[in-house]
């Protein structure tokens, strides 16, 4: 389903669409109807792996940026993607597992 977004997704200016919702203050994904852009690594309808990969990418990005002493703002893309794809219960469970040191993924 084409929502009318073009590549870039996030700054608002590139989210212009005749059919889709207008971009909000936080880019295209601020709307509850917004979807992340197509990722060719995950072409199937089931987006479970996409959800998990973006969760990992976000936490890896934050870890690297913190080690370098830089802003974690570039990591917000991954945050918005996994929050739009993942069920809240999964995110809460994975976050608890990270805090407890029992998370199975490599961050």
N, C-alpha and C. Protein backbone atom coordinates (compact mmCIF):
# COMPACT_ATOMS: atom_id res chain seq x y z
N UNK A 1 0.84 -1.17 0.00
CA UNK A 1 0.00 0.00 0.00
C UNK A 1 0.90 1.24 0.00
N UNK A 2 0.73 2.09 -0.96
CA UNK A 2 1.53 3.30 -1.08
C UNK A 2 0.87 4.42 -0.31
N UNK A 3 1.58 4.97 0.67
CA UNK A 3 1.04 6.07 1.47
C UNK A 3 1.47 7.42 0.91
N UNK A 4 2.24 7.39 -0.17
CA UNK A 4 2.64 8.64 -0.79
C UNK A 4 3.93 9.22 -0.27
N UNK A 5 4.64 8.51 0.61
CA UNK A 5 5.89 9.03 1.15
C UNK A 5 7.02 8.71 0.19
N UNK A 6 7.98 9.56 0.13
CA UNK A 6 9.17 9.31 -0.67
C UNK A 6 10.31 9.00 0.27
N UNK A 7 11.44 8.58 -0.30
CA UNK A 7 12.56 8.19 0.56
C UNK A 7 13.03 9.35 1.41
N UNK A 8 13.56 9.05 2.54
CA UNK A 8 14.04 10.05 3.47
C UNK A 8 13.36 9.91 4.80
N UNK A 9 12.11 9.80 4.86
CA UNK A 9 11.25 9.52 5.99
C UNK A 9 11.80 10.04 7.30
N UNK A 10 11.27 11.14 7.73
CA UNK A 10 11.63 11.59 9.06
C UNK A 10 11.71 13.07 9.26
N UNK A 11 12.10 13.86 8.28
CA UNK A 11 12.26 15.28 8.54
C UNK A 11 10.97 16.06 8.33
N UNK A 12 10.01 15.46 7.67
CA UNK A 12 8.74 16.14 7.46
C UNK A 12 8.59 16.68 6.06
N UNK A 13 9.60 17.33 5.50
CA UNK A 13 9.49 17.92 4.18
C UNK A 13 9.32 16.86 3.11
N UNK A 14 9.99 15.73 3.27
CA UNK A 14 9.89 14.69 2.25
C UNK A 14 8.68 13.79 2.45
N UNK A 15 7.81 14.10 3.41
CA UNK A 15 6.66 13.28 3.69
C UNK A 15 5.40 13.80 3.01
N UNK A 16 5.55 14.78 2.17
CA UNK A 16 4.40 15.39 1.54
C UNK A 16 3.62 14.36 0.74
N UNK A 17 2.32 14.42 0.83
CA UNK A 17 1.48 13.47 0.14
C UNK A 17 0.11 14.08 -0.09
N UNK A 18 -0.46 13.73 -1.21
CA UNK A 18 -1.83 14.18 -1.48
C UNK A 18 -2.82 13.32 -0.71
N UNK A 19 -2.45 12.06 -0.48
CA UNK A 19 -3.38 11.12 0.14
C UNK A 19 -3.10 10.87 1.61
N UNK A 20 -1.85 10.94 2.04
CA UNK A 20 -1.48 10.61 3.40
C UNK A 20 -1.68 11.76 4.35
N UNK A 21 -1.52 11.48 5.64
CA UNK A 21 -1.66 12.53 6.64
C UNK A 21 -0.51 13.52 6.53
N UNK A 22 -0.72 14.76 6.90
CA UNK A 22 0.38 15.72 6.86
C UNK A 22 1.42 15.35 7.92
N UNK A 23 2.69 15.63 7.66
CA UNK A 23 3.71 15.29 8.64
C UNK A 23 3.56 16.11 9.90
N UNK A 24 3.86 15.47 11.03
CA UNK A 24 3.79 16.16 12.31
C UNK A 24 5.13 16.75 12.68
N UNK A 25 5.25 17.25 13.90
CA UNK A 25 6.49 17.91 14.32
C UNK A 25 7.68 16.96 14.43
N UNK A 26 7.42 15.66 14.49
CA UNK A 26 8.52 14.71 14.63
C UNK A 26 8.72 13.89 13.37
N UNK A 27 8.28 14.38 12.23
CA UNK A 27 8.47 13.68 10.97
C UNK A 27 7.26 12.86 10.61
N UNK A 28 7.43 12.01 9.64
CA UNK A 28 6.32 11.24 9.08
C UNK A 28 5.69 10.30 10.08
N UNK A 29 6.46 9.78 11.00
CA UNK A 29 5.96 8.73 11.87
C UNK A 29 5.19 9.27 13.07
N UNK A 30 4.97 10.58 13.16
CA UNK A 30 4.26 11.11 14.32
C UNK A 30 2.77 10.81 14.24
N UNK A 31 2.28 10.46 13.08
CA UNK A 31 0.88 10.13 12.91
C UNK A 31 0.65 8.68 13.30
N UNK A 32 -0.48 8.36 13.95
CA UNK A 32 -0.73 6.98 14.32
C UNK A 32 -0.91 6.08 13.09
N UNK A 33 -1.19 6.66 11.92
CA UNK A 33 -1.38 5.89 10.71
C UNK A 33 -0.09 5.72 9.94
N UNK A 34 0.98 6.36 10.38
CA UNK A 34 2.23 6.36 9.64
C UNK A 34 2.91 4.99 9.71
N UNK A 35 3.56 4.63 8.62
CA UNK A 35 4.30 3.39 8.54
C UNK A 35 5.73 3.69 8.13
N UNK A 36 6.67 2.87 8.57
CA UNK A 36 8.06 3.09 8.15
C UNK A 36 8.19 2.79 6.66
N UNK A 37 9.26 3.27 6.04
CA UNK A 37 9.45 3.01 4.62
C UNK A 37 9.76 1.54 4.37
N UNK A 38 9.59 1.10 3.14
CA UNK A 38 9.88 -0.28 2.76
C UNK A 38 11.35 -0.57 2.98
N UNK A 39 11.65 -1.70 3.59
CA UNK A 39 13.02 -2.14 3.79
C UNK A 39 13.21 -3.41 2.97
N UNK A 40 14.05 -3.37 1.92
CA UNK A 40 14.20 -4.54 1.06
C UNK A 40 14.76 -5.77 1.76
N UNK A 41 15.32 -5.61 2.95
CA UNK A 41 15.79 -6.77 3.71
C UNK A 41 14.63 -7.59 4.24
N UNK A 42 13.44 -6.98 4.33
CA UNK A 42 12.27 -7.64 4.90
C UNK A 42 11.09 -7.46 3.94
N UNK A 43 11.09 -8.19 2.79
CA UNK A 43 10.07 -7.97 1.77
C UNK A 43 8.72 -8.61 2.08
N UNK A 44 8.64 -9.48 3.04
CA UNK A 44 7.41 -10.21 3.31
C UNK A 44 6.45 -9.43 4.19
N UNK A 45 5.23 -9.89 4.23
CA UNK A 45 4.20 -9.23 5.02
C UNK A 45 4.52 -9.30 6.52
N UNK A 46 5.07 -10.42 6.96
CA UNK A 46 5.42 -10.58 8.37
C UNK A 46 6.63 -9.70 8.69
N UNK A 47 6.44 -8.74 9.55
CA UNK A 47 7.48 -7.76 9.86
C UNK A 47 8.14 -8.00 11.22
N UNK A 48 8.03 -9.22 11.75
CA UNK A 48 8.61 -9.54 13.04
C UNK A 48 10.12 -9.35 13.05
N UNK A 49 10.80 -9.84 12.03
CA UNK A 49 12.26 -9.70 11.97
C UNK A 49 12.66 -8.24 11.82
N UNK A 50 11.88 -7.49 11.06
CA UNK A 50 12.15 -6.07 10.88
C UNK A 50 12.04 -5.35 12.23
N UNK A 51 11.02 -5.67 12.98
CA UNK A 51 10.83 -5.11 14.31
C UNK A 51 12.04 -5.39 15.18
N UNK A 52 12.43 -6.66 15.26
CA UNK A 52 13.54 -7.08 16.12
C UNK A 52 14.86 -6.44 15.68
N UNK A 53 15.12 -6.41 14.37
CA UNK A 53 16.36 -5.86 13.87
C UNK A 53 16.47 -4.37 14.18
N UNK A 54 15.37 -3.63 14.05
CA UNK A 54 15.41 -2.20 14.35
C UNK A 54 15.54 -1.95 15.85
N UNK A 55 14.98 -2.84 16.67
CA UNK A 55 15.18 -2.75 18.12
C UNK A 55 16.67 -2.91 18.44
N UNK A 56 17.31 -3.93 17.85
CA UNK A 56 18.74 -4.15 18.05
C UNK A 56 19.55 -2.97 17.53
N UNK A 57 19.22 -2.51 16.32
CA UNK A 57 19.97 -1.40 15.71
C UNK A 57 19.89 -0.14 16.57
N UNK A 58 18.72 0.12 17.16
CA UNK A 58 18.58 1.29 18.02
C UNK A 58 19.51 1.18 19.23
N UNK A 59 19.49 0.06 19.91
CA UNK A 59 20.29 -0.10 21.11
C UNK A 59 21.80 -0.14 20.80
N UNK A 60 22.15 -0.71 19.66
CA UNK A 60 23.56 -0.69 19.24
C UNK A 60 24.01 0.74 18.94
N UNK A 61 23.14 1.48 18.27
CA UNK A 61 23.45 2.87 17.92
C UNK A 61 23.64 3.72 19.18
N UNK A 62 22.71 3.59 20.12
CA UNK A 62 22.80 4.35 21.36
C UNK A 62 24.08 4.00 22.11
N UNK A 63 24.41 2.72 22.17
CA UNK A 63 25.62 2.28 22.86
C UNK A 63 26.86 2.90 22.23
N UNK A 64 26.95 2.84 20.89
CA UNK A 64 28.12 3.41 20.20
C UNK A 64 28.21 4.92 20.38
N UNK A 65 27.09 5.61 20.25
CA UNK A 65 27.09 7.07 20.38
C UNK A 65 27.48 7.48 21.79
N UNK A 66 26.99 6.77 22.79
CA UNK A 66 27.36 7.07 24.17
C UNK A 66 28.85 6.84 24.41
N UNK A 67 29.39 5.76 23.84
CA UNK A 67 30.83 5.49 23.98
C UNK A 67 31.67 6.58 23.34
N UNK A 68 31.17 7.14 22.26
CA UNK A 68 31.89 8.20 21.56
C UNK A 68 31.63 9.58 22.15
N UNK A 69 30.68 9.66 23.07
CA UNK A 69 30.34 10.94 23.68
C UNK A 69 29.56 11.86 22.76
N UNK A 70 28.83 11.27 21.82
CA UNK A 70 28.07 12.06 20.85
C UNK A 70 26.58 11.95 21.14
N UNK A 71 25.81 12.81 20.48
CA UNK A 71 24.36 12.81 20.61
C UNK A 71 23.77 11.52 20.04
N UNK A 72 22.71 11.03 20.67
CA UNK A 72 22.03 9.84 20.19
C UNK A 72 20.90 10.18 19.22
N UNK A 73 20.82 11.42 18.80
CA UNK A 73 19.75 11.85 17.89
C UNK A 73 19.70 11.03 16.60
N UNK A 74 20.83 10.65 15.98
CA UNK A 74 20.74 9.83 14.77
C UNK A 74 20.07 8.47 15.00
N UNK A 75 20.04 8.01 16.23
CA UNK A 75 19.44 6.72 16.55
C UNK A 75 17.91 6.78 16.58
N UNK A 76 17.36 7.98 16.58
CA UNK A 76 15.91 8.13 16.68
C UNK A 76 15.17 7.47 15.52
N UNK A 77 15.80 7.37 14.36
CA UNK A 77 15.17 6.70 13.22
C UNK A 77 14.79 5.27 13.60
N UNK A 78 15.75 4.53 14.16
CA UNK A 78 15.50 3.14 14.56
C UNK A 78 14.44 3.07 15.65
N UNK A 79 14.46 4.04 16.56
CA UNK A 79 13.47 4.09 17.63
C UNK A 79 12.06 4.20 17.06
N UNK A 80 11.90 5.13 16.13
CA UNK A 80 10.57 5.33 15.53
C UNK A 80 10.12 4.10 14.75
N UNK A 81 11.04 3.45 14.05
CA UNK A 81 10.69 2.27 13.27
C UNK A 81 10.25 1.13 14.19
N UNK A 82 11.06 0.81 15.20
CA UNK A 82 10.66 -0.33 16.03
C UNK A 82 9.43 -0.02 16.85
N UNK A 83 9.22 1.24 17.22
CA UNK A 83 8.00 1.57 17.95
C UNK A 83 6.76 1.50 17.06
N UNK A 84 6.93 1.66 15.77
CA UNK A 84 5.78 1.55 14.88
C UNK A 84 5.50 0.11 14.48
N UNK A 85 6.51 -0.77 14.54
CA UNK A 85 6.34 -2.15 14.10
C UNK A 85 6.12 -3.14 15.24
N UNK A 86 6.74 -2.91 16.39
CA UNK A 86 6.75 -3.90 17.47
C UNK A 86 5.58 -3.72 18.43
N UNK A 87 4.99 -4.83 18.87
CA UNK A 87 4.00 -4.73 19.94
C UNK A 87 4.66 -4.21 21.22
N UNK A 88 3.95 -3.40 21.96
CA UNK A 88 4.49 -2.79 23.17
C UNK A 88 4.95 -3.86 24.16
N UNK A 89 4.21 -4.96 24.25
CA UNK A 89 4.59 -6.01 25.21
C UNK A 89 5.96 -6.60 24.88
N UNK A 90 6.29 -6.73 23.59
CA UNK A 90 7.60 -7.24 23.21
C UNK A 90 8.69 -6.27 23.63
N UNK A 91 8.47 -5.00 23.35
CA UNK A 91 9.47 -3.97 23.68
C UNK A 91 9.69 -3.94 25.19
N UNK A 92 8.61 -4.00 25.95
CA UNK A 92 8.74 -3.99 27.41
C UNK A 92 9.51 -5.22 27.90
N UNK A 93 9.20 -6.39 27.34
CA UNK A 93 9.89 -7.62 27.75
C UNK A 93 11.37 -7.56 27.39
N UNK A 94 11.69 -7.12 26.16
CA UNK A 94 13.09 -7.03 25.75
C UNK A 94 13.85 -6.02 26.59
N UNK A 95 13.21 -4.90 26.92
CA UNK A 95 13.87 -3.88 27.74
C UNK A 95 14.17 -4.42 29.13
N UNK A 96 13.20 -5.15 29.71
CA UNK A 96 13.42 -5.77 31.01
C UNK A 96 14.57 -6.78 30.94
N UNK A 97 14.62 -7.56 29.86
CA UNK A 97 15.68 -8.55 29.71
C UNK A 97 17.05 -7.87 29.58
N UNK A 98 17.11 -6.75 28.87
CA UNK A 98 18.37 -6.01 28.75
C UNK A 98 18.82 -5.54 30.13
N UNK A 99 17.89 -5.00 30.92
CA UNK A 99 18.21 -4.52 32.26
C UNK A 99 18.67 -5.63 33.18
N UNK A 100 18.08 -6.81 33.00
CA UNK A 100 18.44 -7.97 33.84
C UNK A 100 19.68 -8.71 33.32
N UNK A 101 20.12 -8.36 32.11
CA UNK A 101 21.27 -9.04 31.52
C UNK A 101 20.95 -10.38 30.90
N UNK A 102 19.67 -10.64 30.60
CA UNK A 102 19.27 -11.92 30.04
C UNK A 102 18.80 -11.83 28.59
N UNK A 103 18.95 -10.68 27.97
CA UNK A 103 18.51 -10.49 26.58
C UNK A 103 19.39 -11.33 25.66
N UNK A 104 18.76 -12.07 24.73
CA UNK A 104 19.48 -13.00 23.87
C UNK A 104 20.20 -12.32 22.71
N UNK A 105 19.76 -11.13 22.32
CA UNK A 105 20.37 -10.45 21.19
C UNK A 105 21.73 -9.85 21.53
N UNK A 106 22.55 -9.66 20.50
CA UNK A 106 23.87 -9.07 20.68
C UNK A 106 23.78 -7.57 20.47
N UNK A 107 23.96 -6.82 21.56
CA UNK A 107 23.90 -5.36 21.48
C UNK A 107 25.29 -4.81 21.68
